[in-house]
Amino acid sequence: METRPLGATGHESSILTYGSIVLDYVEQDKANQMVENALDAGVNHFDVAPTYGDAEVKLAPKLQE
C-alpha cells in the first residue's frame, strides 16, 4: 500500500483510510477478519469516532496483536 507523510508527525499513513463505523454492526469474529484483511492490504490509518458505537472496542483486538 502506498503511504504518505501525515503532516509533521513523522508517521507514514496509508493512502486509504479504513472507516470503522461498519464494525459496530458485525460480530467480533467478523470484525477481526475485516480488520485483519485491511492490515494485510497495508492499511494503517483507521477512522473512529464516538458516534461509531462499539467500533473502537471491536477494532482493538487486531491492533493489539
PDB file of N, CA and C in Angstrom:
ATOM      1  N   MET A   1       0.852  -1.178   0.000  1.00  0.00           N
ATOM      2  CA  MET A   1       0.000   0.000   0.000  1.00  0.00           C
ATOM      3  C   MET A   1       0.893   1.234   0.000  1.00  0.00           C
ATOM      4  N   GLU A   2       0.576   2.138  -0.846  1.00  0.00           N
ATOM      5  CA  GLU A   2       1.305   3.405  -0.894  1.00  0.00           C
ATOM      6  C   GLU A   2       1.022   4.202   0.381  1.00  0.00           C
ATOM      7  N   THR A   3       2.028   4.894   0.864  1.00  0.00           N
ATOM      8  CA  THR A   3       1.869   5.732   2.053  1.00  0.00           C
ATOM      9  C   THR A   3       2.312   7.154   1.742  1.00  0.00           C
ATOM     10  N   ARG A   4       1.898   8.050   2.627  1.00  0.00           N
ATOM     11  CA  ARG A   4       2.303   9.453   2.531  1.00  0.00           C
ATOM     12  C   ARG A   4       2.531   9.964   3.948  1.00  0.00           C
ATOM     13  N   PRO A   5       3.406  10.965   4.097  1.00  0.00           N
ATOM     14  CA  PRO A   5       3.628  11.541   5.423  1.00  0.00           C
ATOM     15  C   PRO A   5       2.339  12.182   5.951  1.00  0.00           C
ATOM     16  N   LEU A   6       2.064  11.965   7.222  1.00  0.00           N
ATOM     17  CA  LEU A   6       0.891  12.563   7.860  1.00  0.00           C
ATOM     18  C   LEU A   6       1.337  13.857   8.537  1.00  0.00           C
ATOM     19  N   GLY A   7       1.256  14.937   7.809  1.00  0.00           N
ATOM     20  CA  GLY A   7       1.685  16.230   8.333  1.00  0.00           C
ATOM     21  C   GLY A   7       3.124  16.181   8.791  1.00  0.00           C
ATOM     22  N   ALA A   8       3.389  16.783   9.948  1.00  0.00           N
ATOM     23  CA  ALA A   8       4.745  16.816  10.508  1.00  0.00           C
ATOM     24  C   ALA A   8       4.923  15.774  11.606  1.00  0.00           C
ATOM     25  N   THR A   9       4.045  14.762  11.644  1.00  0.00           N
ATOM     26  CA  THR A   9       4.084  13.769  12.716  1.00  0.00           C
ATOM     27  C   THR A   9       5.200  12.754  12.557  1.00  0.00           C
ATOM     28  N   GLY A  10       5.699  12.603  11.337  1.00  0.00           N
ATOM     29  CA  GLY A  10       6.689  11.566  11.072  1.00  0.00           C
ATOM     30  C   GLY A  10       6.057  10.217  10.768  1.00  0.00           C
ATOM     31  N   HIS A  11       4.741  10.139  10.860  1.00  0.00           N
ATOM     32  CA  HIS A  11       4.017   8.889  10.588  1.00  0.00           C
ATOM     33  C   HIS A  11       3.734   8.771   9.098  1.00  0.00           C
ATOM     34  N   GLU A  12       4.011   7.610   8.533  1.00  0.00           N
ATOM     35  CA  GLU A  12       3.662   7.311   7.147  1.00  0.00           C
ATOM     36  C   GLU A  12       2.288   6.654   7.152  1.00  0.00           C
ATOM     37  N   SER A  13       1.297   7.359   6.651  1.00  0.00           N
ATOM     38  CA  SER A  13      -0.080   6.891   6.663  1.00  0.00           C
ATOM     39  C   SER A  13      -0.455   6.291   5.314  1.00  0.00           C
ATOM     40  N   SER A  14      -1.176   5.172   5.354  1.00  0.00           N
ATOM     41  CA  SER A  14      -1.651   4.573   4.107  1.00  0.00           C
ATOM     42  C   SER A  14      -2.549   5.576   3.381  1.00  0.00           C
ATOM     43  N   ILE A  15      -2.534   5.517   2.053  1.00  0.00           N
ATOM     44  CA  ILE A  15      -3.343   6.468   1.294  1.00  0.00           C
ATOM     45  C   ILE A  15      -4.834   6.150   1.398  1.00  0.00           C
ATOM     46  N   LEU A  16      -5.162   4.950   1.848  1.00  0.00           N
ATOM     47  CA  LEU A  16      -6.552   4.594   2.114  1.00  0.00           C
ATOM     48  C   LEU A  16      -6.778   4.554   3.614  1.00  0.00           C
ATOM     49  N   THR A  17      -7.904   5.064   4.035  1.00  0.00           N
ATOM     50  CA  THR A  17      -8.294   5.050   5.443  1.00  0.00           C
ATOM     51  C   THR A  17      -9.454   4.079   5.608  1.00  0.00           C
ATOM     52  N   TYR A  18      -9.412   3.281   6.667  1.00  0.00           N
ATOM     53  CA  TYR A  18     -10.486   2.325   6.941  1.00  0.00           C
ATOM     54  C   TYR A  18     -11.526   3.008   7.820  1.00  0.00           C
ATOM     55  N   GLY A  19     -12.706   3.214   7.283  1.00  0.00           N
ATOM     56  CA  GLY A  19     -13.811   3.777   8.056  1.00  0.00           C
ATOM     57  C   GLY A  19     -14.440   2.686   8.899  1.00  0.00           C
ATOM     58  N   SER A  20     -14.279   2.774  10.200  1.00  0.00           N
ATOM     59  CA  SER A  20     -14.621   1.647  11.071  1.00  0.00           C
ATOM     60  C   SER A  20     -16.061   1.632  11.565  1.00  0.00           C
ATOM     61  N   ILE A  21     -16.921   2.513  11.090  1.00  0.00           N
ATOM     62  CA  ILE A  21     -18.305   2.517  11.559  1.00  0.00           C
ATOM     63  C   ILE A  21     -18.982   1.164  11.322  1.00  0.00           C
ATOM     64  N   VAL A  22     -18.609   0.482  10.240  1.00  0.00           N
ATOM     65  CA  VAL A  22     -19.224  -0.806   9.915  1.00  0.00           C
ATOM     66  C   VAL A  22     -18.983  -1.844  11.016  1.00  0.00           C
ATOM     67  N   LEU A  23     -17.898  -1.703  11.759  1.00  0.00           N
ATOM     68  CA  LEU A  23     -17.583  -2.684  12.800  1.00  0.00           C
ATOM     69  C   LEU A  23     -18.642  -2.717  13.896  1.00  0.00           C
ATOM     70  N   ASP A  24     -19.370  -1.626  14.067  1.00  0.00           N
ATOM     71  CA  ASP A  24     -20.424  -1.585  15.084  1.00  0.00           C
ATOM     72  C   ASP A  24     -21.577  -2.523  14.739  1.00  0.00           C
ATOM     73  N   TYR A  25     -21.674  -2.925  13.486  1.00  0.00           N
ATOM     74  CA  TYR A  25     -22.822  -3.705  13.022  1.00  0.00           C
ATOM     75  C   TYR A  25     -22.526  -5.184  12.801  1.00  0.00           C
ATOM     76  N   VAL A  26     -21.317  -5.627  13.132  1.00  0.00           N
ATOM     77  CA  VAL A  26     -20.958  -7.030  12.925  1.00  0.00           C
ATOM     78  C   VAL A  26     -20.459  -7.640  14.231  1.00  0.00           C
ATOM     79  N   GLU A  27     -20.489  -8.966  14.294  1.00  0.00           N
ATOM     80  CA  GLU A  27     -19.968  -9.681  15.459  1.00  0.00           C
ATOM     81  C   GLU A  27     -18.446  -9.567  15.508  1.00  0.00           C
ATOM     82  N   GLN A  28     -17.865  -9.812  16.680  1.00  0.00           N
ATOM     83  CA  GLN A  28     -16.423  -9.643  16.870  1.00  0.00           C
ATOM     84  C   GLN A  28     -15.600 -10.503  15.914  1.00  0.00           C
ATOM     85  N   ASP A  29     -16.015 -11.743  15.669  1.00  0.00           N
ATOM     86  CA  ASP A  29     -15.262 -12.608  14.749  1.00  0.00           C
ATOM     87  C   ASP A  29     -15.180 -12.002  13.353  1.00  0.00           C
ATOM     88  N   LYS A  30     -16.291 -11.473  12.876  1.00  0.00           N
ATOM     89  CA  LYS A  30     -16.323 -10.837  11.556  1.00  0.00           C
ATOM     90  C   LYS A  30     -15.487  -9.558  11.573  1.00  0.00           C
ATOM     91  N   ALA A  31     -15.582  -8.788  12.650  1.00  0.00           N
ATOM     92  CA  ALA A  31     -14.783  -7.564  12.777  1.00  0.00           C
ATOM     93  C   ALA A  31     -13.297  -7.896  12.734  1.00  0.00           C
ATOM     94  N   ASN A  32     -12.897  -8.951  13.441  1.00  0.00           N
ATOM     95  CA  ASN A  32     -11.490  -9.367  13.427  1.00  0.00           C
ATOM     96  C   ASN A  32     -11.023  -9.671  12.009  1.00  0.00           C
ATOM     97  N   GLN A  33     -11.839 -10.388  11.260  1.00  0.00           N
ATOM     98  CA  GLN A  33     -11.467 -10.746   9.887  1.00  0.00           C
ATOM     99  C   GLN A  33     -11.373  -9.512   9.000  1.00  0.00           C
ATOM    100  N   MET A  34     -12.310  -8.590   9.161  1.00  0.00           N
ATOM    101  CA  MET A  34     -12.315  -7.370   8.353  1.00  0.00           C
ATOM    102  C   MET A  34     -11.079  -6.521   8.635  1.00  0.00           C
ATOM    103  N   VAL A  35     -10.739  -6.368   9.905  1.00  0.00           N
ATOM    104  CA  VAL A  35      -9.565  -5.572  10.277  1.00  0.00           C
ATOM    105  C   VAL A  35      -8.295  -6.272   9.808  1.00  0.00           C
ATOM    106  N   GLU A  36      -8.239  -7.583   9.967  1.00  0.00           N
ATOM    107  CA  GLU A  36      -7.072  -8.339   9.505  1.00  0.00           C
ATOM    108  C   GLU A  36      -6.879  -8.176   7.995  1.00  0.00           C
ATOM    109  N   ASN A  37      -7.966  -8.212   7.237  1.00  0.00           N
ATOM    110  CA  ASN A  37      -7.878  -8.013   5.788  1.00  0.00           C
ATOM    111  C   ASN A  37      -7.330  -6.627   5.458  1.00  0.00           C
ATOM    112  N   ALA A  38      -7.792  -5.622   6.181  1.00  0.00           N
ATOM    113  CA  ALA A  38      -7.301  -4.258   5.949  1.00  0.00           C
ATOM    114  C   ALA A  38      -5.817  -4.159   6.272  1.00  0.00           C
ATOM    115  N   LEU A  39      -5.411  -4.730   7.396  1.00  0.00           N
ATOM    116  CA  LEU A  39      -3.996  -4.697   7.779  1.00  0.00           C
ATOM    117  C   LEU A  39      -3.142  -5.446   6.760  1.00  0.00           C
ATOM    118  N   ASP A  40      -3.626  -6.594   6.307  1.00  0.00           N
ATOM    119  CA  ASP A  40      -2.895  -7.374   5.299  1.00  0.00           C
ATOM    120  C   ASP A  40      -2.734  -6.595   3.995  1.00  0.00           C
ATOM    121  N   ALA A  41      -3.688  -5.721   3.703  1.00  0.00           N
ATOM    122  CA  ALA A  41      -3.625  -4.906   2.488  1.00  0.00           C
ATOM    123  C   ALA A  41      -2.725  -3.684   2.661  1.00  0.00           C
ATOM    124  N   GLY A  42      -2.241  -3.470   3.889  1.00  0.00           N
ATOM    125  CA  GLY A  42      -1.330  -2.356   4.134  1.00  0.00           C
ATOM    126  C   GLY A  42      -1.970  -1.124   4.735  1.00  0.00           C
ATOM    127  N   VAL A  43      -3.248  -1.205   5.063  1.00  0.00           N
ATOM    128  CA  VAL A  43      -3.918  -0.060   5.686  1.00  0.00           C
ATOM    129  C   VAL A  43      -3.390   0.114   7.107  1.00  0.00           C
ATOM    130  N   ASN A  44      -3.014   1.343   7.453  1.00  0.00           N
ATOM    131  CA  ASN A  44      -2.565   1.625   8.818  1.00  0.00           C
ATOM    132  C   ASN A  44      -3.218   2.889   9.367  1.00  0.00           C
ATOM    133  N   HIS A  45      -4.267   3.342   8.707  1.00  0.00           N
ATOM    134  CA  HIS A  45      -4.981   4.543   9.133  1.00  0.00           C
ATOM    135  C   HIS A  45      -6.447   4.159   9.306  1.00  0.00           C
ATOM    136  N   PHE A  46      -6.931   4.227  10.538  1.00  0.00           N
ATOM    137  CA  PHE A  46      -8.290   3.809  10.861  1.00  0.00           C
ATOM    138  C   PHE A  46      -9.069   4.992  11.419  1.00  0.00           C
ATOM    139  N   ASP A  47     -10.240   5.231  10.859  1.00  0.00           N
ATOM    140  CA  ASP A  47     -11.105   6.324  11.283  1.00  0.00           C
ATOM    141  C   ASP A  47     -12.083   5.801  12.330  1.00  0.00           C
ATOM    142  N   VAL A  48     -12.055   6.394  13.517  1.00  0.00           N
ATOM    143  CA  VAL A  48     -13.005   6.050  14.574  1.00  0.00           C
ATOM    144  C   VAL A  48     -13.569   7.340  15.160  1.00  0.00           C
ATOM    145  N   ALA A  49     -14.761   7.240  15.720  1.00  0.00           N
ATOM    146  CA  ALA A  49     -15.411   8.403  16.325  1.00  0.00           C
ATOM    147  C   ALA A  49     -16.390   7.915  17.382  1.00  0.00           C
ATOM    148  N   PRO A  50     -16.710   8.764  18.350  1.00  0.00           N
ATOM    149  CA  PRO A  50     -17.657   8.364  19.394  1.00  0.00           C
ATOM    150  C   PRO A  50     -19.008   7.911  18.836  1.00  0.00           C
ATOM    151  N   THR A  51     -19.411   8.436  17.708  1.00  0.00           N
ATOM    152  CA  THR A  51     -20.706   8.063  17.132  1.00  0.00           C
ATOM    153  C   THR A  51     -20.687   6.711  16.432  1.00  0.00           C
ATOM    154  N   TYR A  52     -19.533   6.036  16.406  1.00  0.00           N
ATOM    155  CA  TYR A  52     -19.409   4.736  15.743  1.00  0.00           C
ATOM    156  C   TYR A  52     -19.715   3.575  16.688  1.00  0.00           C
ATOM    157  N   GLY A  53     -20.347   3.840  17.806  1.00  0.00           N
ATOM    158  CA  GLY A  53     -20.731   2.782  18.736  1.00  0.00           C
ATOM    159  C   GLY A  53     -19.533   2.022  19.274  1.00  0.00           C
ATOM    160  N   ASP A  54     -19.571   0.689  19.176  1.00  0.00           N
ATOM    161  CA  ASP A  54     -18.507  -0.175  19.697  1.00  0.00           C
ATOM    162  C   ASP A  54     -17.354  -0.384  18.719  1.00  0.00           C
ATOM    163  N   ALA A  55     -17.259   0.427  17.694  1.00  0.00           N
ATOM    164  CA  ALA A  55     -16.228   0.232  16.674  1.00  0.00           C
ATOM    165  C   ALA A  55     -14.825   0.205  17.278  1.00  0.00           C
ATOM    166  N   GLU A  56     -14.528   1.098  18.211  1.00  0.00           N
ATOM    167  CA  GLU A  56     -13.194   1.125  18.826  1.00  0.00           C
ATOM    168  C   GLU A  56     -12.910  -0.169  19.574  1.00  0.00           C
ATOM    169  N   VAL A  57     -13.908  -0.668  20.276  1.00  0.00           N
ATOM    170  CA  VAL A  57     -13.753  -1.905  21.044  1.00  0.00           C
ATOM    171  C   VAL A  57     -13.502  -3.078  20.103  1.00  0.00           C
ATOM    172  N   LYS A  58     -14.209  -3.114  18.997  1.00  0.00           N
ATOM    173  CA  LYS A  58     -14.060  -4.216  18.045  1.00  0.00           C
ATOM    174  C   LYS A  58     -12.790  -4.096  17.216  1.00  0.00           C
ATOM    175  N   LEU A  59     -12.272  -2.900  17.062  1.00  0.00           N
ATOM    176  CA  LEU A  59     -11.035  -2.672  16.322  1.00  0.00           C
ATOM    177  C   LEU A  59      -9.817  -3.075  17.147  1.00  0.00           C
ATOM    178  N   ALA A  60      -9.882  -2.876  18.437  1.00  0.00           N
ATOM    179  CA  ALA A  60      -8.730  -3.039  19.330  1.00  0.00           C
ATOM    180  C   ALA A  60      -8.040  -4.404  19.290  1.00  0.00           C
ATOM    181  N   PRO A  61      -8.747  -5.535  19.326  1.00  0.00           N
ATOM    182  CA  PRO A  61      -8.043  -6.821  19.415  1.00  0.00           C
ATOM    183  C   PRO A  61      -7.007  -7.040  18.321  1.00  0.00           C
ATOM    184  N   LYS A  62      -7.341  -6.731  17.092  1.00  0.00           N
ATOM    185  CA  LYS A  62      -6.398  -6.961  15.989  1.00  0.00           C
ATOM    186  C   LYS A  62      -5.265  -5.943  16.000  1.00  0.00           C
ATOM    187  N   LEU A  63      -5.528  -4.738  16.462  1.00  0.00           N
ATOM    188  CA  LEU A  63      -4.469  -3.731  16.514  1.00  0.00           C
ATOM    189  C   LEU A  63      -3.491  -4.009  17.652  1.00  0.00           C
ATOM    190  N   GLN A  64      -3.938  -4.749  18.666  1.00  0.00           N
ATOM    191  CA  GLN A  64      -3.067  -5.072  19.800  1.00  0.00           C
ATOM    192  C   GLN A  64      -2.147  -6.243  19.507  1.00  0.00           C
ATOM    193  N   GLU A  65      -2.427  -7.009  18.463  1.00  0.00           N
ATOM    194  CA  GLU A  65      -1.596  -8.186  18.144  1.00  0.00           C
ATOM    195  C   GLU A  65      -0.223  -7.780  17.660  1.00  0.00           C
TER     196      GLU A  65
END
